[in-house]
């Protein structure tokens, strides 16, 4: 595949953008204990109001209503906990899946750089077997198929066209492409849940 005529970013410009925007890496906040996460689901303001309502119903001699309210609080808390825990695990999996290196065009030369050094505007060269390390827009494609199952759950690879987006953590299963970095995990405006693919791009 012929690489775009663009020489890509200069090394100096890439360094300036890296200093300005920070590295292409997911932040690693301290992971809360699952027990703490679960407890929070039963002690937030809305849950506390329902616990008070259950207590008042019990005092008023309405034990069935009190039990019904308590069951609602417990079920809602368990569901919310499951959703939050799953989102946190998905973020951790995405962090593990991001590659260590990427091939880019800088100063008109193909170079391999640390994936953490990718910046907005970099031209990334992709081939079958590569893991996508940032949110990209396709500039050239040649028989490309991308596995997005980690993000969407869909088992059938998608076939992005020129101008189409591919997202960090997805996997090139076929073809070659040149793509431009538009955002990366942890960048301002990047959502905390990797399961959402409708990410806003950044320039």
C-alpha atoms as a PDB file:
ATOM      1  CA  UNK A   1       0.000   0.000   0.000  1.00  0.00           C
ATOM      2  CA  UNK A   2       1.277   3.484  -0.840  1.00  0.00           C
ATOM      3  CA  UNK A   3       1.580   5.745   2.175  1.00  0.00           C
ATOM      4  CA  UNK A   4      -0.003   9.180   1.942  1.00  0.00           C
ATOM      5  CA  UNK A   5       2.108  11.893   0.375  1.00  0.00           C
ATOM      6  CA  UNK A   6       1.968  13.746   3.705  1.00  0.00           C
ATOM      7  CA  UNK A   7       5.255  13.653   5.602  1.00  0.00           C
ATOM      8  CA  UNK A   8       3.328  13.385   8.854  1.00  0.00           C
ATOM      9  CA  UNK A   9       4.260  15.461  11.852  1.00  0.00           C
ATOM     10  CA  UNK A  10       7.786  16.626  12.409  1.00  0.00           C
ATOM     11  CA  UNK A  11       9.602  15.193  15.413  1.00  0.00           C
ATOM     12  CA  UNK A  12       9.646  18.665  16.969  1.00  0.00           C
ATOM     13  CA  UNK A  13       5.898  19.168  16.514  1.00  0.00           C
ATOM     14  CA  UNK A  14       5.177  15.700  17.941  1.00  0.00           C
ATOM     15  CA  UNK A  15       7.322  16.508  20.984  1.00  0.00           C
ATOM     16  CA  UNK A  16       5.489  19.818  21.498  1.00  0.00           C
ATOM     17  CA  UNK A  17       2.083  18.087  21.314  1.00  0.00           C
ATOM     18  CA  UNK A  18       3.221  15.381  23.698  1.00  0.00           C
ATOM     19  CA  UNK A  19       4.274  18.013  26.244  1.00  0.00           C
ATOM     20  CA  UNK A  20       1.003  19.899  25.739  1.00  0.00           C
ATOM     21  CA  UNK A  21      -1.448  16.993  25.781  1.00  0.00           C
ATOM     22  CA  UNK A  22       0.358  14.326  27.794  1.00  0.00           C
ATOM     23  CA  UNK A  23       1.058  10.690  26.955  1.00  0.00           C
ATOM     24  CA  UNK A  24      -1.205   8.274  25.135  1.00  0.00           C
ATOM     25  CA  UNK A  25      -2.040   6.215  28.205  1.00  0.00           C
ATOM     26  CA  UNK A  26      -5.041   5.417  30.327  1.00  0.00           C
ATOM     27  CA  UNK A  27      -4.830   7.003  33.774  1.00  0.00           C
ATOM     28  CA  UNK A  28      -4.396   4.504  36.580  1.00  0.00           C
ATOM     29  CA  UNK A  29      -6.441   5.718  39.539  1.00  0.00           C
ATOM     30  CA  UNK A  30      -6.412   3.682  42.734  1.00  0.00           C
ATOM     31  CA  UNK A  31      -8.847   0.808  42.372  1.00  0.00           C
ATOM     32  CA  UNK A  32     -11.563   0.909  45.043  1.00  0.00           C
ATOM     33  CA  UNK A  33     -12.381  -2.250  46.950  1.00  0.00           C
ATOM     34  CA  UNK A  34     -15.412  -4.091  45.529  1.00  0.00           C
ATOM     35  CA  UNK A  35     -16.864  -4.048  49.039  1.00  0.00           C
ATOM     36  CA  UNK A  36     -16.553  -0.259  49.181  1.00  0.00           C
ATOM     37  CA  UNK A  37     -18.173   0.025  45.748  1.00  0.00           C
ATOM     38  CA  UNK A  38     -21.039  -2.210  46.895  1.00  0.00           C
ATOM     39  CA  UNK A  39     -21.536  -0.296  50.147  1.00  0.00           C
ATOM     40  CA  UNK A  40     -21.788   2.999  48.261  1.00  0.00           C
ATOM     41  CA  UNK A  41     -24.753   1.645  46.287  1.00  0.00           C
ATOM     42  CA  UNK A  42     -26.727   1.231  49.535  1.00  0.00           C
ATOM     43  CA  UNK A  43     -25.738   4.496  51.233  1.00  0.00           C
ATOM     44  CA  UNK A  44     -26.128   7.243  48.622  1.00  0.00           C
ATOM     45  CA  UNK A  45     -28.835   9.886  49.122  1.00  0.00           C
ATOM     46  CA  UNK A  46     -31.613   8.175  47.148  1.00  0.00           C
ATOM     47  CA  UNK A  47     -30.956   4.820  48.829  1.00  0.00           C
ATOM     48  CA  UNK A  48     -30.943   6.484  52.253  1.00  0.00           C
ATOM     49  CA  UNK A  49     -34.336   8.047  51.540  1.00  0.00           C
ATOM     50  CA  UNK A  50     -35.730   4.642  50.642  1.00  0.00           C
ATOM     51  CA  UNK A  51     -34.267   3.080  53.802  1.00  0.00           C
ATOM     52  CA  UNK A  52     -36.031   5.814  55.823  1.00  0.00           C
ATOM     53  CA  UNK A  53     -39.261   5.114  53.962  1.00  0.00           C
ATOM     54  CA  UNK A  54     -38.943   1.398  54.723  1.00  0.00           C
ATOM     55  CA  UNK A  55     -38.368   2.167  58.420  1.00  0.00           C
ATOM     56  CA  UNK A  56     -41.392   4.485  58.554  1.00  0.00           C
ATOM     57  CA  UNK A  57     -43.547   1.838  56.863  1.00  0.00           C
ATOM     58  CA  UNK A  58     -42.437  -0.709  59.448  1.00  0.00           C
ATOM     59  CA  UNK A  59     -43.209   1.691  62.312  1.00  0.00           C
ATOM     60  CA  UNK A  60     -46.621   2.388  60.793  1.00  0.00           C
ATOM     61  CA  UNK A  61     -47.436  -1.323  60.878  1.00  0.00           C
ATOM     62  CA  UNK A  62     -46.948  -1.943  57.158  1.00  0.00           C
ATOM     63  CA  UNK A  63     -44.292  -4.679  57.147  1.00  0.00           C
ATOM     64  CA  UNK A  64     -45.097  -5.839  53.622  1.00  0.00           C
ATOM     65  CA  UNK A  65     -44.511  -2.338  52.243  1.00  0.00           C
ATOM     66  CA  UNK A  66     -41.298  -2.054  54.261  1.00  0.00           C
ATOM     67  CA  UNK A  67     -40.023  -5.345  52.848  1.00  0.00           C
ATOM     68  CA  UNK A  68     -40.978  -4.319  49.297  1.00  0.00           C
ATOM     69  CA  UNK A  69     -39.048  -1.038  49.605  1.00  0.00           C
ATOM     70  CA  UNK A  70     -36.019  -2.823  51.071  1.00  0.00           C
ATOM     71  CA  UNK A  71     -36.046  -5.357  48.225  1.00  0.00           C
ATOM     72  CA  UNK A  72     -36.116  -2.512  45.683  1.00  0.00           C
ATOM     73  CA  UNK A  73     -33.117  -0.858  47.362  1.00  0.00           C
ATOM     74  CA  UNK A  74     -31.147  -4.106  47.431  1.00  0.00           C
ATOM     75  CA  UNK A  75     -31.912  -5.087  43.855  1.00  0.00           C
ATOM     76  CA  UNK A  76     -31.147  -1.592  42.541  1.00  0.00           C
ATOM     77  CA  UNK A  77     -27.904  -1.508  44.519  1.00  0.00           C
ATOM     78  CA  UNK A  78     -26.773  -4.886  43.213  1.00  0.00           C
ATOM     79  CA  UNK A  79     -27.576  -3.917  39.620  1.00  0.00           C
ATOM     80  CA  UNK A  80     -25.726  -0.584  39.904  1.00  0.00           C
ATOM     81  CA  UNK A  81     -22.746  -2.316  41.513  1.00  0.00           C
ATOM     82  CA  UNK A  82     -22.586  -4.876  38.696  1.00  0.00           C
ATOM     83  CA  UNK A  83     -22.642  -2.126  36.065  1.00  0.00           C
ATOM     84  CA  UNK A  84     -19.920  -0.056  37.760  1.00  0.00           C
ATOM     85  CA  UNK A  85     -17.706  -3.051  38.449  1.00  0.00           C
ATOM     86  CA  UNK A  86     -18.004  -4.282  34.872  1.00  0.00           C
ATOM     87  CA  UNK A  87     -17.103  -0.836  33.499  1.00  0.00           C
ATOM     88  CA  UNK A  88     -14.032  -0.694  35.753  1.00  0.00           C
ATOM     89  CA  UNK A  89     -12.928  -4.172  34.658  1.00  0.00           C
ATOM     90  CA  UNK A  90     -13.394  -3.209  31.000  1.00  0.00           C
ATOM     91  CA  UNK A  91     -11.187  -0.149  31.486  1.00  0.00           C
ATOM     92  CA  UNK A  92      -8.517  -2.302  33.096  1.00  0.00           C
ATOM     93  CA  UNK A  93      -8.686  -4.796  30.212  1.00  0.00           C
ATOM     94  CA  UNK A  94      -8.340  -1.990  27.672  1.00  0.00           C
ATOM     95  CA  UNK A  95      -5.235  -0.723  29.473  1.00  0.00           C
ATOM     96  CA  UNK A  96      -3.704  -4.187  29.225  1.00  0.00           C
ATOM     97  CA  UNK A  97      -4.595  -4.483  25.537  1.00  0.00           C
ATOM     98  CA  UNK A  98      -2.990  -1.270  24.346  1.00  0.00           C
ATOM     99  CA  UNK A  99       0.232  -2.065  22.447  1.00  0.00           C
ATOM    100  CA  UNK A 100       3.665  -0.940  23.562  1.00  0.00           C
ATOM    101  CA  UNK A 101       4.748   0.410  20.152  1.00  0.00           C
ATOM    102  CA  UNK A 102       3.248   1.926  17.017  1.00  0.00           C
ATOM    103  CA  UNK A 103       4.570   2.612  13.526  1.00  0.00           C
ATOM    104  CA  UNK A 104       4.117   6.222  12.417  1.00  0.00           C
ATOM    105  CA  UNK A 105       5.275   8.593   9.680  1.00  0.00           C
ATOM    106  CA  UNK A 106       7.280  11.554  11.001  1.00  0.00           C
ATOM    107  CA  UNK A 107       9.398  13.901   8.938  1.00  0.00           C
ATOM    108  CA  UNK A 108       8.453  11.724   5.949  1.00  0.00           C
ATOM    109  CA  UNK A 109      10.098   8.649   7.472  1.00  0.00           C
ATOM    110  CA  UNK A 110       8.501   5.474   8.806  1.00  0.00           C
ATOM    111  CA  UNK A 111       9.529   5.105  12.475  1.00  0.00           C
ATOM    112  CA  UNK A 112       8.529   2.935  15.405  1.00  0.00           C
ATOM    113  CA  UNK A 113       7.673   4.917  18.538  1.00  0.00           C
ATOM    114  CA  UNK A 114       6.373   4.001  21.988  1.00  0.00           C
ATOM    115  CA  UNK A 115       2.584   3.889  21.876  1.00  0.00           C
ATOM    116  CA  UNK A 116       2.551   6.335  24.784  1.00  0.00           C
ATOM    117  CA  UNK A 117       4.264   8.844  22.486  1.00  0.00           C
ATOM    118  CA  UNK A 118       1.442   9.044  19.934  1.00  0.00           C
ATOM    119  CA  UNK A 119      -0.082  12.511  19.593  1.00  0.00           C
ATOM    120  CA  UNK A 120      -3.040  14.036  17.790  1.00  0.00           C
ATOM    121  CA  UNK A 121      -2.198  14.354  14.088  1.00  0.00           C
ATOM    122  CA  UNK A 122       0.234  11.440  13.943  1.00  0.00           C
ATOM    123  CA  UNK A 123      -0.079   9.237  10.857  1.00  0.00           C
ATOM    124  CA  UNK A 124      -0.163   5.625  12.046  1.00  0.00           C
ATOM    125  CA  UNK A 125       0.581   2.682   9.753  1.00  0.00           C
ATOM    126  CA  UNK A 126      -1.538  -0.372  10.499  1.00  0.00           C
ATOM    127  CA  UNK A 127      -1.314  -3.949   9.261  1.00  0.00           C
ATOM    128  CA  UNK A 128      -3.026  -7.241  10.024  1.00  0.00           C
ATOM    129  CA  UNK A 129      -2.167  -8.353  13.549  1.00  0.00           C
ATOM    130  CA  UNK A 130      -1.789  -4.818  14.955  1.00  0.00           C
ATOM    131  CA  UNK A 131      -3.644  -3.633  18.026  1.00  0.00           C
ATOM    132  CA  UNK A 132      -4.972  -0.063  17.638  1.00  0.00           C
ATOM    133  CA  UNK A 133      -3.422   2.170  20.289  1.00  0.00           C
ATOM    134  CA  UNK A 134      -5.480   5.371  19.886  1.00  0.00           C
ATOM    135  CA  UNK A 135      -8.707   6.588  18.323  1.00  0.00           C
ATOM    136  CA  UNK A 136      -7.989   6.975  14.608  1.00  0.00           C
ATOM    137  CA  UNK A 137      -9.605   8.179  11.395  1.00  0.00           C
ATOM    138  CA  UNK A 138      -8.758   6.147   8.303  1.00  0.00           C
ATOM    139  CA  UNK A 139      -6.883   8.057   5.591  1.00  0.00           C
ATOM    140  CA  UNK A 140      -6.001   5.076   3.353  1.00  0.00           C
ATOM    141  CA  UNK A 141      -7.366   1.543   3.496  1.00  0.00           C
ATOM    142  CA  UNK A 142      -6.567  -1.663   1.643  1.00  0.00           C
ATOM    143  CA  UNK A 143      -8.966  -4.554   2.328  1.00  0.00           C
ATOM    144  CA  UNK A 144      -9.175  -3.685   6.028  1.00  0.00           C
ATOM    145  CA  UNK A 145     -11.161  -5.622   8.633  1.00  0.00           C
ATOM    146  CA  UNK A 146     -11.160  -4.649  12.309  1.00  0.00           C
ATOM    147  CA  UNK A 147     -12.288  -6.727  15.286  1.00  0.00           C
ATOM    148  CA  UNK A 148     -14.250  -4.453  17.650  1.00  0.00           C
ATOM    149  CA  UNK A 149     -15.669  -7.247  19.809  1.00  0.00           C
ATOM    150  CA  UNK A 150     -13.831  -5.991  22.888  1.00  0.00           C
ATOM    151  CA  UNK A 151     -15.817  -2.736  22.660  1.00  0.00           C
ATOM    152  CA  UNK A 152     -19.104  -3.742  21.095  1.00  0.00           C
ATOM    153  CA  UNK A 153     -19.467  -7.479  21.698  1.00  0.00           C
ATOM    154  CA  UNK A 154     -20.042  -7.995  17.968  1.00  0.00           C
ATOM    155  CA  UNK A 155     -18.171 -11.034  16.664  1.00  0.00           C
ATOM    156  CA  UNK A 156     -18.205  -9.963  13.001  1.00  0.00           C
ATOM    157  CA  UNK A 157     -15.268  -7.675  12.058  1.00  0.00           C
ATOM    158  CA  UNK A 158     -16.150  -4.250  10.669  1.00  0.00           C
ATOM    159  CA  UNK A 159     -14.707  -2.857   7.449  1.00  0.00           C
ATOM    160  CA  UNK A 160     -13.944   0.831   7.924  1.00  0.00           C
ATOM    161  CA  UNK A 161     -13.629   3.011   4.848  1.00  0.00           C
ATOM    162  CA  UNK A 162     -11.657   6.210   4.267  1.00  0.00           C
ATOM    163  CA  UNK A 163     -12.930   8.743   6.788  1.00  0.00           C
ATOM    164  CA  UNK A 164     -14.221   6.017   9.089  1.00  0.00           C
ATOM    165  CA  UNK A 165     -13.111   5.669  12.697  1.00  0.00           C
ATOM    166  CA  UNK A 166     -11.353   2.869  14.525  1.00  0.00           C
ATOM    167  CA  UNK A 167     -10.937   2.907  18.267  1.00  0.00           C
ATOM    168  CA  UNK A 168      -8.227   2.207  20.797  1.00  0.00           C
ATOM    169  CA  UNK A 169      -8.125  -1.426  21.860  1.00  0.00           C
ATOM    170  CA  UNK A 170      -9.540  -2.831  18.625  1.00  0.00           C
ATOM    171  CA  UNK A 171      -7.610  -5.327  16.510  1.00  0.00           C
ATOM    172  CA  UNK A 172      -6.625  -5.324  12.825  1.00  0.00           C
ATOM    173  CA  UNK A 173      -7.480  -8.763  11.498  1.00  0.00           C
ATOM    174  CA  UNK A 174      -6.949  -8.053   7.806  1.00  0.00           C
ATOM    175  CA  UNK A 175      -5.448  -5.548   5.384  1.00  0.00           C
ATOM    176  CA  UNK A 176      -3.332  -2.422   5.735  1.00  0.00           C
ATOM    177  CA  UNK A 177      -4.195   1.175   6.503  1.00  0.00           C
ATOM    178  CA  UNK A 178      -2.855   4.639   7.158  1.00  0.00           C
ATOM    179  CA  UNK A 179      -4.809   6.467   9.842  1.00  0.00           C
ATOM    180  CA  UNK A 180      -4.600   9.744  11.747  1.00  0.00           C
ATOM    181  CA  UNK A 181      -4.696   9.979  15.534  1.00  0.00           C
ATOM    182  CA  UNK A 182      -7.648  12.073  16.715  1.00  0.00           C
ATOM    183  CA  UNK A 183      -7.860  11.079  20.398  1.00  0.00           C
ATOM    184  CA  UNK A 184      -6.425   8.578  22.844  1.00  0.00           C
ATOM    185  CA  UNK A 185      -7.396   6.839  26.101  1.00  0.00           C
ATOM    186  CA  UNK A 186      -7.371   9.220  29.015  1.00  0.00           C
ATOM    187  CA  UNK A 187      -7.288  12.379  26.865  1.00  0.00           C
ATOM    188  CA  UNK A 188      -9.672  15.232  27.769  1.00  0.00           C
ATOM    189  CA  UNK A 189     -13.110  14.393  26.386  1.00  0.00           C
ATOM    190  CA  UNK A 190     -12.379  10.676  26.151  1.00  0.00           C
ATOM    191  CA  UNK A 191     -15.136   8.691  27.925  1.00  0.00           C
ATOM    192  CA  UNK A 192     -14.347   6.619  30.983  1.00  0.00           C
ATOM    193  CA  UNK A 193     -16.190   3.578  29.673  1.00  0.00           C
ATOM    194  CA  UNK A 194     -14.549   1.942  26.679  1.00  0.00           C
ATOM    195  CA  UNK A 195     -17.759   0.174  25.802  1.00  0.00           C
ATOM    196  CA  UNK A 196     -19.132   3.378  24.297  1.00  0.00           C
ATOM    197  CA  UNK A 197     -17.868   3.759  20.749  1.00  0.00           C
ATOM    198  CA  UNK A 198     -19.482   7.085  19.871  1.00  0.00           C
ATOM    199  CA  UNK A 199     -16.510   9.002  21.179  1.00  0.00           C
ATOM    200  CA  UNK A 200     -16.035  12.633  20.250  1.00  0.00           C
ATOM    201  CA  UNK A 201     -12.868  13.144  18.247  1.00  0.00           C
ATOM    202  CA  UNK A 202     -10.311  15.718  19.142  1.00  0.00           C
ATOM    203  CA  UNK A 203      -8.151  17.876  16.906  1.00  0.00           C
END
